[in-house]
Amino acid sequence: MSEPQWLSEEEQKAWRKFAAVFTLLPASLDAQLQHDAQLTHFAYFALAMLSEAPDRALRMSELAARSSSSPSRLSHTISRLENRGYVQRARAAEDGRGQVAQMTDDGMNAISEFAPGHVGAVRRFVFDALTAEQVQQLNEISSAILAKIDPDGTLVPPPPGGE
């Protein structure tokens, strides 16, 4: 077995900070959403994906892919959102085999209500700490990493309005 290519001291510093960010940031966003909306970040993200989809509806398999989730985790989350009246499920009209999750008007109203607080948290935790140049660098760095871990671009849909 060949010797691994160990991280340099600079790479090790960067990696540890990056690892801390991707551990602490989701917890911070979850805390804000739990406090303001009684939603997990994952549930909010699923609602956001539905709010941006045509007719506010996606096949469950597509929603699972877009949210980097297992079908089981997504199904449990959608069940909780259904109980709150934010989403409804139906058989896919095209083939009758799959299921479609569709955001209700109550769901759209809820995400419209909760979005300002969430965007404020994202701004506070991420973008207020960065210069305009660093935001550009963050975009480039994220694109480079995603090209390795999601080369087909299937897991991260472009934001509304394109890339």
Protein backbone atom coordinates (compact mmCIF):
# COMPACT_ATOMS: atom_id res chain seq x y z
CA MET A 1 0.00 0.00 0.00
CA SER A 2 1.39 3.41 -0.93
CA GLU A 3 1.96 6.18 1.58
CA PRO A 4 -0.92 8.72 1.64
CA GLN A 5 -0.22 12.24 0.48
CA TRP A 6 -0.53 13.98 3.83
CA LEU A 7 -1.88 17.50 4.07
CA SER A 8 0.64 20.29 4.28
CA GLU A 9 0.55 22.55 7.33
CA GLU A 10 -1.36 25.20 5.34
CA GLU A 11 -3.81 22.61 3.99
CA GLN A 12 -4.32 21.22 7.51
CA LYS A 13 -5.13 24.71 8.86
CA ALA A 14 -7.57 25.38 6.01
CA TRP A 15 -9.17 21.94 6.31
CA ARG A 16 -9.78 22.24 10.05
CA LYS A 17 -11.38 25.66 9.66
CA PHE A 18 -13.48 24.47 6.74
CA ALA A 19 -14.57 21.38 8.70
CA ALA A 20 -15.58 23.62 11.61
CA VAL A 21 -17.64 25.82 9.28
CA PHE A 22 -19.55 22.92 7.75
CA THR A 23 -20.21 21.55 11.23
CA LEU A 24 -21.18 24.78 12.98
CA LEU A 25 -23.01 26.64 10.20
CA PRO A 26 -25.81 24.07 9.71
CA ALA A 27 -26.35 23.95 13.49
CA SER A 28 -26.58 27.74 13.63
CA LEU A 29 -29.05 27.86 10.74
CA ASP A 30 -31.07 25.05 12.30
CA ALA A 31 -31.25 26.92 15.61
CA GLN A 32 -32.51 30.09 13.92
CA LEU A 33 -35.18 28.22 11.96
CA GLN A 34 -36.26 26.15 14.97
CA HIS A 35 -36.66 29.34 16.99
CA ASP A 36 -38.45 31.39 14.32
CA ALA A 37 -40.38 28.75 12.37
CA GLN A 38 -40.26 25.45 14.29
CA LEU A 39 -38.63 23.99 11.17
CA THR A 40 -35.34 22.25 10.61
CA HIS A 41 -32.98 23.69 8.04
CA PHE A 42 -33.61 20.58 5.95
CA ALA A 43 -37.41 21.10 6.03
CA TYR A 44 -36.96 24.77 5.12
CA PHE A 45 -34.67 23.79 2.25
CA ALA A 46 -37.24 21.28 0.95
CA LEU A 47 -39.91 24.01 1.06
CA ALA A 48 -37.56 26.41 -0.72
CA MET A 49 -36.95 23.87 -3.50
CA LEU A 50 -40.69 23.42 -3.92
CA SER A 51 -41.34 27.17 -3.90
CA GLU A 52 -38.93 27.59 -6.84
CA ALA A 53 -40.28 24.65 -8.89
CA PRO A 54 -42.87 25.01 -11.65
CA ASP A 55 -46.33 24.80 -10.07
CA ARG A 56 -44.48 24.54 -6.70
CA ALA A 57 -44.29 20.76 -7.25
CA LEU A 58 -41.54 18.16 -7.69
CA ARG A 59 -41.41 14.40 -7.88
CA MET A 60 -40.22 13.08 -4.54
CA SER A 61 -37.20 11.49 -6.23
CA GLU A 62 -36.24 14.85 -7.75
CA LEU A 63 -36.74 16.65 -4.44
CA ALA A 64 -34.60 14.03 -2.68
CA ALA A 65 -31.81 14.56 -5.23
CA ARG A 66 -32.01 18.35 -4.98
CA SER A 67 -31.88 18.22 -1.20
CA SER A 68 -29.11 15.57 -1.08
CA SER A 69 -31.40 13.39 0.97
CA SER A 70 -32.37 9.78 1.20
CA PRO A 71 -35.92 9.05 0.05
CA SER A 72 -36.73 7.89 3.59
CA ARG A 73 -35.53 11.08 5.29
CA LEU A 74 -37.36 13.22 2.75
CA SER A 75 -40.56 11.20 3.14
CA HIS A 76 -40.54 11.73 6.93
CA THR A 77 -39.90 15.44 6.48
CA ILE A 78 -42.66 15.79 3.88
CA SER A 79 -45.04 13.95 6.24
CA ARG A 80 -44.32 16.54 8.95
CA LEU A 81 -44.82 19.35 6.43
CA GLU A 82 -48.11 17.74 5.31
CA ASN A 83 -49.27 17.67 8.95
CA ARG A 84 -48.66 21.43 9.12
CA GLY A 85 -50.59 21.96 5.88
CA TYR A 86 -47.52 23.20 3.96
CA VAL A 87 -47.30 20.36 1.43
CA GLN A 88 -49.57 17.76 -0.13
CA ARG A 89 -48.58 14.57 -1.90
CA ALA A 90 -50.20 12.99 -4.91
CA ARG A 91 -49.47 10.30 -7.47
CA ALA A 92 -47.46 11.54 -10.44
CA ALA A 93 -49.88 12.33 -13.26
CA GLU A 94 -47.41 11.27 -15.99
CA ASP A 95 -47.01 7.65 -14.97
CA GLY A 96 -48.97 7.12 -11.77
CA ARG A 97 -45.98 5.37 -10.23
CA GLY A 98 -44.08 8.09 -8.43
CA GLN A 99 -45.23 10.65 -5.95
CA VAL A 100 -45.21 14.41 -6.30
CA ALA A 101 -44.87 16.83 -3.41
CA GLN A 102 -46.67 20.11 -4.00
CA MET A 103 -46.43 23.17 -1.80
CA THR A 104 -49.81 24.48 -0.68
CA ASP A 105 -50.76 28.14 -0.42
CA ASP A 106 -50.22 27.85 3.35
CA GLY A 107 -46.73 26.51 2.66
CA MET A 108 -45.98 29.40 0.32
CA ASN A 109 -47.24 31.86 2.91
CA ALA A 110 -45.10 30.20 5.57
CA ILE A 111 -41.90 30.27 3.56
CA SER A 112 -42.58 33.88 2.62
CA GLU A 113 -42.91 34.65 6.33
CA PHE A 114 -39.83 32.68 7.39
CA ALA A 115 -37.49 33.60 4.52
CA PRO A 116 -36.48 37.06 5.80
CA GLY A 117 -35.26 35.64 9.12
CA HIS A 118 -33.39 32.83 7.37
CA VAL A 119 -31.77 35.18 4.86
CA GLY A 120 -30.85 37.45 7.75
CA ALA A 121 -29.13 34.54 9.52
CA VAL A 122 -27.26 33.54 6.35
CA ARG A 123 -26.14 37.14 5.91
CA ARG A 124 -25.13 37.45 9.58
CA PHE A 125 -23.26 34.12 9.76
CA VAL A 126 -21.65 34.17 6.30
CA PHE A 127 -21.77 37.24 4.13
CA ASP A 128 -21.30 39.96 6.74
CA ALA A 129 -17.92 38.35 7.50
CA LEU A 130 -16.76 38.56 3.88
CA THR A 131 -15.63 41.24 1.47
CA ALA A 132 -17.07 41.36 -2.04
CA GLU A 133 -13.86 39.76 -3.31
CA GLN A 134 -14.17 36.96 -0.74
CA VAL A 135 -17.77 36.31 -1.81
CA GLN A 136 -16.48 35.84 -5.38
CA GLN A 137 -13.75 33.53 -4.07
CA LEU A 138 -16.28 31.56 -2.00
CA ASN A 139 -18.37 31.07 -5.15
CA GLU A 140 -15.32 29.90 -7.12
CA ILE A 141 -14.08 27.60 -4.33
CA SER A 142 -17.54 26.09 -3.87
CA SER A 143 -17.85 25.53 -7.63
CA ALA A 144 -14.47 23.78 -7.73
CA ILE A 145 -15.36 21.46 -4.84
CA LEU A 146 -18.82 20.73 -6.26
CA ALA A 147 -17.23 19.84 -9.61
CA LYS A 148 -15.47 17.00 -7.76
CA ILE A 149 -18.31 15.77 -5.53
CA ASP A 150 -21.25 16.47 -7.87
CA PRO A 151 -19.71 16.42 -11.36
CA ASP A 152 -23.08 16.16 -13.12
CA GLY A 153 -24.51 19.08 -11.15
CA THR A 154 -27.57 17.03 -10.26
CA LEU A 155 -27.57 17.68 -6.52
CA VAL A 156 -27.28 21.46 -6.52
CA PRO A 157 -29.87 23.19 -8.65
CA PRO A 158 -29.03 26.69 -9.85
CA PRO A 159 -30.60 29.51 -7.85
CA PRO A 160 -33.67 31.25 -9.24
CA GLY A 161 -32.56 33.36 -12.18
CA GLY A 162 -29.75 30.98 -13.20
CA GLU A 163 -26.10 30.44 -12.31
